[in-house]
C-alpha atoms as a PDB file:
ATOM      1  CA  UNK A   1     -28.681-136.603 -36.549  1.00  0.00           C
ATOM      2  CA  UNK A   2     -27.652-134.643 -39.742  1.00  0.00           C
ATOM      3  CA  UNK A   3     -23.891-134.112 -39.976  1.00  0.00           C
ATOM      4  CA  UNK A   4     -24.697-131.174 -42.288  1.00  0.00           C
ATOM      5  CA  UNK A   5     -26.658-129.125 -39.439  1.00  0.00           C
ATOM      6  CA  UNK A   6     -23.891-126.511 -38.975  1.00  0.00           C
ATOM      7  CA  UNK A   7     -25.980-124.699 -36.152  1.00  0.00           C
ATOM      8  CA  UNK A   8     -26.743-127.874 -33.956  1.00  0.00           C
ATOM      9  CA  UNK A   9     -22.885-128.654 -34.267  1.00  0.00           C
ATOM     10  CA  UNK A  10     -22.037-125.294 -33.138  1.00  0.00           C
ATOM     11  CA  UNK A  11     -24.444-125.514 -29.999  1.00  0.00           C
ATOM     12  CA  UNK A  12     -23.492-128.863 -29.131  1.00  0.00           C
ATOM     13  CA  UNK A  13     -19.595-128.023 -29.332  1.00  0.00           C
ATOM     14  CA  UNK A  14     -20.629-125.182 -26.835  1.00  0.00           C
ATOM     15  CA  UNK A  15     -22.706-127.635 -24.356  1.00  0.00           C
ATOM     16  CA  UNK A  16     -20.035-130.615 -24.685  1.00  0.00           C
ATOM     17  CA  UNK A  17     -17.954-130.983 -21.643  1.00  0.00           C
ATOM     18  CA  UNK A  18     -15.312-133.158 -23.709  1.00  0.00           C
ATOM     19  CA  UNK A  19     -12.943-130.366 -24.895  1.00  0.00           C
ATOM     20  CA  UNK A  20     -11.309-132.369 -27.286  1.00  0.00           C
ATOM     21  CA  UNK A  21     -14.797-133.231 -28.791  1.00  0.00           C
ATOM     22  CA  UNK A  22     -16.004-129.750 -28.838  1.00  0.00           C
ATOM     23  CA  UNK A  23     -12.670-128.894 -30.940  1.00  0.00           C
ATOM     24  CA  UNK A  24     -13.675-131.231 -33.567  1.00  0.00           C
ATOM     25  CA  UNK A  25     -17.126-130.056 -33.388  1.00  0.00           C
ATOM     26  CA  UNK A  26     -15.941-126.328 -33.832  1.00  0.00           C
ATOM     27  CA  UNK A  27     -13.822-127.671 -36.597  1.00  0.00           C
ATOM     28  CA  UNK A  28     -16.599-129.133 -38.527  1.00  0.00           C
ATOM     29  CA  UNK A  29     -18.781-125.987 -38.011  1.00  0.00           C
ATOM     30  CA  UNK A  30     -15.967-123.857 -39.545  1.00  0.00           C
ATOM     31  CA  UNK A  31     -15.657-126.524 -42.568  1.00  0.00           C
ATOM     32  CA  UNK A  32     -19.295-126.078 -43.112  1.00  0.00           C
ATOM     33  CA  UNK A  33     -19.558-122.221 -42.488  1.00  0.00           C
ATOM     34  CA  UNK A  34     -16.381-121.249 -43.683  1.00  0.00           C
ATOM     35  CA  UNK A  35     -17.349-117.405 -44.023  1.00  0.00           C
ATOM     36  CA  UNK A  36     -18.742-117.074 -40.371  1.00  0.00           C
ATOM     37  CA  UNK A  37     -15.842-115.593 -38.142  1.00  0.00           C
ATOM     38  CA  UNK A  38     -17.909-117.207 -35.177  1.00  0.00           C
ATOM     39  CA  UNK A  39     -16.360-120.488 -35.591  1.00  0.00           C
ATOM     40  CA  UNK A  40     -12.707-119.449 -35.538  1.00  0.00           C
ATOM     41  CA  UNK A  41     -13.485-117.489 -32.493  1.00  0.00           C
ATOM     42  CA  UNK A  42     -14.794-120.266 -30.934  1.00  0.00           C
ATOM     43  CA  UNK A  43     -12.403-122.464 -31.522  1.00  0.00           C
ATOM     44  CA  UNK A  44      -9.698-119.873 -30.632  1.00  0.00           C
ATOM     45  CA  UNK A  45     -11.295-119.443 -27.223  1.00  0.00           C
ATOM     46  CA  UNK A  46     -11.401-123.310 -26.257  1.00  0.00           C
ATOM     47  CA  UNK A  47      -7.706-123.527 -28.032  1.00  0.00           C
ATOM     48  CA  UNK A  48      -6.670-120.906 -25.592  1.00  0.00           C
ATOM     49  CA  UNK A  49      -8.093-122.898 -22.627  1.00  0.00           C
ATOM     50  CA  UNK A  50      -6.491-125.474 -23.580  1.00  0.00           C
ATOM     51  CA  UNK A  51      -3.037-123.633 -23.571  1.00  0.00           C
ATOM     52  CA  UNK A  52      -2.477-123.542 -27.394  1.00  0.00           C
ATOM     53  CA  UNK A  53      -1.971-120.096 -27.619  1.00  0.00           C
ATOM     54  CA  UNK A  54      -0.183-119.790 -31.315  1.00  0.00           C
ATOM     55  CA  UNK A  55      -3.136-122.210 -32.470  1.00  0.00           C
ATOM     56  CA  UNK A  56      -5.630-119.873 -30.963  1.00  0.00           C
ATOM     57  CA  UNK A  57      -4.114-116.866 -32.277  1.00  0.00           C
ATOM     58  CA  UNK A  58      -4.148-118.248 -35.702  1.00  0.00           C
ATOM     59  CA  UNK A  59      -8.004-118.883 -35.236  1.00  0.00           C
ATOM     60  CA  UNK A  60      -8.354-115.256 -34.557  1.00  0.00           C
ATOM     61  CA  UNK A  61      -6.210-114.175 -37.258  1.00  0.00           C
ATOM     62  CA  UNK A  62      -8.726-115.975 -39.676  1.00  0.00           C
ATOM     63  CA  UNK A  63     -11.889-114.491 -38.072  1.00  0.00           C
ATOM     64  CA  UNK A  64     -10.364-111.277 -38.293  1.00  0.00           C
ATOM     65  CA  UNK A  65      -9.622-111.624 -42.292  1.00  0.00           C
ATOM     66  CA  UNK A  66     -13.713-112.776 -42.039  1.00  0.00           C
ATOM     67  CA  UNK A  67     -14.897-109.660 -40.240  1.00  0.00           C
ATOM     68  CA  UNK A  68     -11.958-106.847 -39.828  1.00  0.00           C
ATOM     69  CA  UNK A  69     -14.211-104.448 -38.158  1.00  0.00           C
ATOM     70  CA  UNK A  70     -15.648-106.887 -35.532  1.00  0.00           C
ATOM     71  CA  UNK A  71     -15.359-105.674 -32.217  1.00  0.00           C
ATOM     72  CA  UNK A  72     -15.714-109.279 -30.676  1.00  0.00           C
ATOM     73  CA  UNK A  73     -12.347-110.373 -32.776  1.00  0.00           C
ATOM     74  CA  UNK A  74     -10.574-107.791 -30.955  1.00  0.00           C
ATOM     75  CA  UNK A  75     -11.834-108.444 -27.443  1.00  0.00           C
ATOM     76  CA  UNK A  76     -11.134-112.183 -27.738  1.00  0.00           C
ATOM     77  CA  UNK A  77      -7.718-112.055 -29.224  1.00  0.00           C
ATOM     78  CA  UNK A  78      -6.943-109.758 -26.424  1.00  0.00           C
ATOM     79  CA  UNK A  79      -8.471-112.712 -24.012  1.00  0.00           C
ATOM     80  CA  UNK A  80      -6.559-115.293 -26.016  1.00  0.00           C
ATOM     81  CA  UNK A  81      -3.276-113.037 -24.708  1.00  0.00           C
ATOM     82  CA  UNK A  82      -3.896-112.304 -21.735  1.00  0.00           C
ATOM     83  CA  UNK A  83      -4.733-115.782 -20.675  1.00  0.00           C
ATOM     84  CA  UNK A  84      -1.189-116.712 -22.129  1.00  0.00           C
ATOM     85  CA  UNK A  85       0.416-113.826 -19.772  1.00  0.00           C
ATOM     86  CA  UNK A  86       1.022-111.650 -22.628  1.00  0.00           C
ATOM     87  CA  UNK A  87      -0.972-108.768 -20.723  1.00  0.00           C
ATOM     88  CA  UNK A  88       0.847-105.833 -22.506  1.00  0.00           C
ATOM     89  CA  UNK A  89       0.222-106.871 -25.889  1.00  0.00           C
ATOM     90  CA  UNK A  90      -3.764-107.659 -24.657  1.00  0.00           C
ATOM     91  CA  UNK A  91      -3.831-104.186 -23.506  1.00  0.00           C
ATOM     92  CA  UNK A  92      -2.127-103.040 -27.075  1.00  0.00           C
ATOM     93  CA  UNK A  93      -4.838-104.673 -28.768  1.00  0.00           C
ATOM     94  CA  UNK A  94      -7.633-103.336 -26.946  1.00  0.00           C
ATOM     95  CA  UNK A  95      -5.996 -99.632 -26.952  1.00  0.00           C
ATOM     96  CA  UNK A  96      -5.983 -99.982 -30.783  1.00  0.00           C
ATOM     97  CA  UNK A  97      -9.632-100.493 -30.878  1.00  0.00           C
ATOM     98  CA  UNK A  98     -10.298 -97.844 -28.515  1.00  0.00           C
ATOM     99  CA  UNK A  99      -8.445 -95.192 -30.580  1.00  0.00           C
ATOM    100  CA  UNK A 100     -10.880 -95.741 -33.517  1.00  0.00           C
ATOM    101  CA  UNK A 101     -13.693 -96.444 -31.247  1.00  0.00           C
ATOM    102  CA  UNK A 102     -13.569 -93.976 -28.207  1.00  0.00           C
ATOM    103  CA  UNK A 103     -17.272 -94.965 -26.846  1.00  0.00           C
ATOM    104  CA  UNK A 104     -16.664 -98.800 -26.291  1.00  0.00           C
ATOM    105  CA  UNK A 105     -17.544 -98.483 -22.574  1.00  0.00           C
ATOM    106  CA  UNK A 106     -16.922-102.279 -22.019  1.00  0.00           C
ATOM    107  CA  UNK A 107     -13.735-102.216 -23.195  1.00  0.00           C
ATOM    108  CA  UNK A 108     -12.429 -99.527 -21.272  1.00  0.00           C
ATOM    109  CA  UNK A 109     -13.623-101.280 -18.331  1.00  0.00           C
ATOM    110  CA  UNK A 110     -11.772-104.371 -19.501  1.00  0.00           C
ATOM    111  CA  UNK A 111      -8.423-102.182 -20.172  1.00  0.00           C
ATOM    112  CA  UNK A 112      -8.961-100.851 -16.755  1.00  0.00           C
ATOM    113  CA  UNK A 113      -9.059-104.123 -15.283  1.00  0.00           C
ATOM    114  CA  UNK A 114      -6.119-105.669 -16.978  1.00  0.00           C
ATOM    115  CA  UNK A 115      -4.361-102.540 -16.008  1.00  0.00           C
ATOM    116  CA  UNK A 116      -5.085-102.642 -12.463  1.00  0.00           C
ATOM    117  CA  UNK A 117      -3.856-106.752 -12.864  1.00  0.00           C
ATOM    118  CA  UNK A 118      -0.422-105.431 -14.297  1.00  0.00           C
ATOM    119  CA  UNK A 119       0.107-103.087 -11.402  1.00  0.00           C
ATOM    120  CA  UNK A 120      -0.650-100.022 -13.566  1.00  0.00           C
ATOM    121  CA  UNK A 121      -3.223 -98.221 -11.506  1.00  0.00           C
ATOM    122  CA  UNK A 122      -3.163 -94.694 -13.345  1.00  0.00           C
ATOM    123  CA  UNK A 123      -3.543 -96.418 -16.632  1.00  0.00           C
ATOM    124  CA  UNK A 124      -6.276 -97.974 -14.977  1.00  0.00           C
ATOM    125  CA  UNK A 125      -7.660 -94.734 -13.572  1.00  0.00           C
ATOM    126  CA  UNK A 126      -7.652 -93.303 -17.230  1.00  0.00           C
ATOM    127  CA  UNK A 127      -9.315 -96.201 -18.449  1.00  0.00           C
ATOM    128  CA  UNK A 128     -12.109 -96.349 -16.002  1.00  0.00           C
ATOM    129  CA  UNK A 129     -12.297 -92.660 -16.150  1.00  0.00           C
ATOM    130  CA  UNK A 130     -13.346 -92.766 -19.625  1.00  0.00           C
ATOM    131  CA  UNK A 131     -15.361 -95.992 -19.097  1.00  0.00           C
ATOM    132  CA  UNK A 132     -17.588 -93.696 -17.238  1.00  0.00           C
ATOM    133  CA  UNK A 133     -17.361 -90.673 -19.518  1.00  0.00           C
ATOM    134  CA  UNK A 134     -18.435 -93.287 -22.272  1.00  0.00           C
ATOM    135  CA  UNK A 135     -21.651 -94.318 -20.524  1.00  0.00           C
ATOM    136  CA  UNK A 136     -24.754 -92.540 -21.445  1.00  0.00           C
ATOM    137  CA  UNK A 137     -26.429 -90.611 -18.602  1.00  0.00           C
ATOM    138  CA  UNK A 138     -28.900 -92.734 -16.625  1.00  0.00           C
ATOM    139  CA  UNK A 139     -32.231 -91.083 -15.694  1.00  0.00           C
ATOM    140  CA  UNK A 140     -33.328 -93.321 -13.072  1.00  0.00           C
ATOM    141  CA  UNK A 141     -29.994 -92.377 -10.946  1.00  0.00           C
ATOM    142  CA  UNK A 142     -28.074 -95.453 -10.902  1.00  0.00           C
ATOM    143  CA  UNK A 143     -24.651 -95.327 -11.458  1.00  0.00           C
ATOM    144  CA  UNK A 144     -22.353 -96.048 -14.240  1.00  0.00           C
ATOM    145  CA  UNK A 145     -20.857 -99.646 -14.282  1.00  0.00           C
ATOM    146  CA  UNK A 146     -17.365 -98.226 -13.912  1.00  0.00           C
ATOM    147  CA  UNK A 147     -18.229 -96.289 -11.096  1.00  0.00           C
ATOM    148  CA  UNK A 148     -16.964 -98.688  -8.221  1.00  0.00           C
ATOM    149  CA  UNK A 149     -13.823 -99.293 -10.539  1.00  0.00           C
ATOM    150  CA  UNK A 150     -13.161 -95.746 -11.125  1.00  0.00           C
ATOM    151  CA  UNK A 151     -13.381 -95.225  -7.038  1.00  0.00           C
ATOM    152  CA  UNK A 152     -10.809 -98.062  -6.594  1.00  0.00           C
ATOM    153  CA  UNK A 153      -8.391 -96.530  -9.261  1.00  0.00           C
ATOM    154  CA  UNK A 154      -8.615 -93.016  -7.743  1.00  0.00           C
ATOM    155  CA  UNK A 155      -7.892 -94.621  -4.395  1.00  0.00           C
ATOM    156  CA  UNK A 156      -4.903 -96.571  -5.686  1.00  0.00           C
ATOM    157  CA  UNK A 157      -3.156 -93.386  -7.097  1.00  0.00           C
ATOM    158  CA  UNK A 158      -4.142 -91.183  -4.671  1.00  0.00           C
ATOM    159  CA  UNK A 159      -1.077 -89.770  -2.392  1.00  0.00           C
ATOM    160  CA  UNK A 160      -0.594 -91.434   0.956  1.00  0.00           C
ATOM    161  CA  UNK A 161       1.328 -90.460   3.864  1.00  0.00           C
ATOM    162  CA  UNK A 162       3.137 -93.432   6.145  1.00  0.00           C
ATOM    163  CA  UNK A 163       3.785 -91.952   9.191  1.00  0.00           C
ATOM    164  CA  UNK A 164       7.201 -92.785  10.624  1.00  0.00           C
ATOM    165  CA  UNK A 165       7.539 -92.368  14.444  1.00  0.00           C
ATOM    166  CA  UNK A 166      10.310 -93.685  16.495  1.00  0.00           C
ATOM    167  CA  UNK A 167      10.883 -93.763  20.257  1.00  0.00           C
ATOM    168  CA  UNK A 168      13.710 -95.021  22.124  1.00  0.00           C
ATOM    169  CA  UNK A 169      14.897 -95.130  26.129  1.00  0.00           C
ATOM    170  CA  UNK A 170      18.455 -94.888  27.171  1.00  0.00           C
ATOM    171  CA  UNK A 171      19.758 -96.659  30.472  1.00  0.00           C
ATOM    172  CA  UNK A 172      19.020 -93.632  32.386  1.00  0.00           C
ATOM    173  CA  UNK A 173      15.391 -93.818  31.588  1.00  0.00           C
ATOM    174  CA  UNK A 174      15.129 -90.923  29.496  1.00  0.00           C
ATOM    175  CA  UNK A 175      12.969 -91.205  26.485  1.00  0.00           C
ATOM    176  CA  UNK A 176      13.258 -89.625  22.849  1.00  0.00           C
ATOM    177  CA  UNK A 177      10.598 -89.298  20.370  1.00  0.00           C
ATOM    178  CA  UNK A 178      10.966 -88.475  16.877  1.00  0.00           C
ATOM    179  CA  UNK A 179       8.936 -88.483  13.509  1.00  0.00           C
END
């Protein structure tokens, strides 16, 4: 009812199923709240899901100018790059953040998952190991969230043995086995 009610516009954009309408609502929100980085981030996420990567990254650039040390800007930008198939760039964005914020367990987990998807189990192992070390000790005995992923990464980088066995039989019925 009130087109100037910015928070209602933002929530309506989140709830609508029509992506075109949602984008219009997010852009209206950004116009009403030009200093809020969450507007450009929301618009960037939607643009990314629509396959409009360059526009999405431009929105994240805008959000980064508004909130240069906001973790969610970094995480969102990495998601946009990942959706576009630019996995190495996404990992690089996360790695730069983690160099300055080594206790960010969630982004270590994210880096590990992206590394597994990219077929880099050693890099994933390092990330999951760091995530497990970044998690505070849980007094009730629960394991850190990184633990299952850490076990998977360890298994993927572990040495493996592939037995090679051969057997043959000649015309006289003699059998030969070898390894």
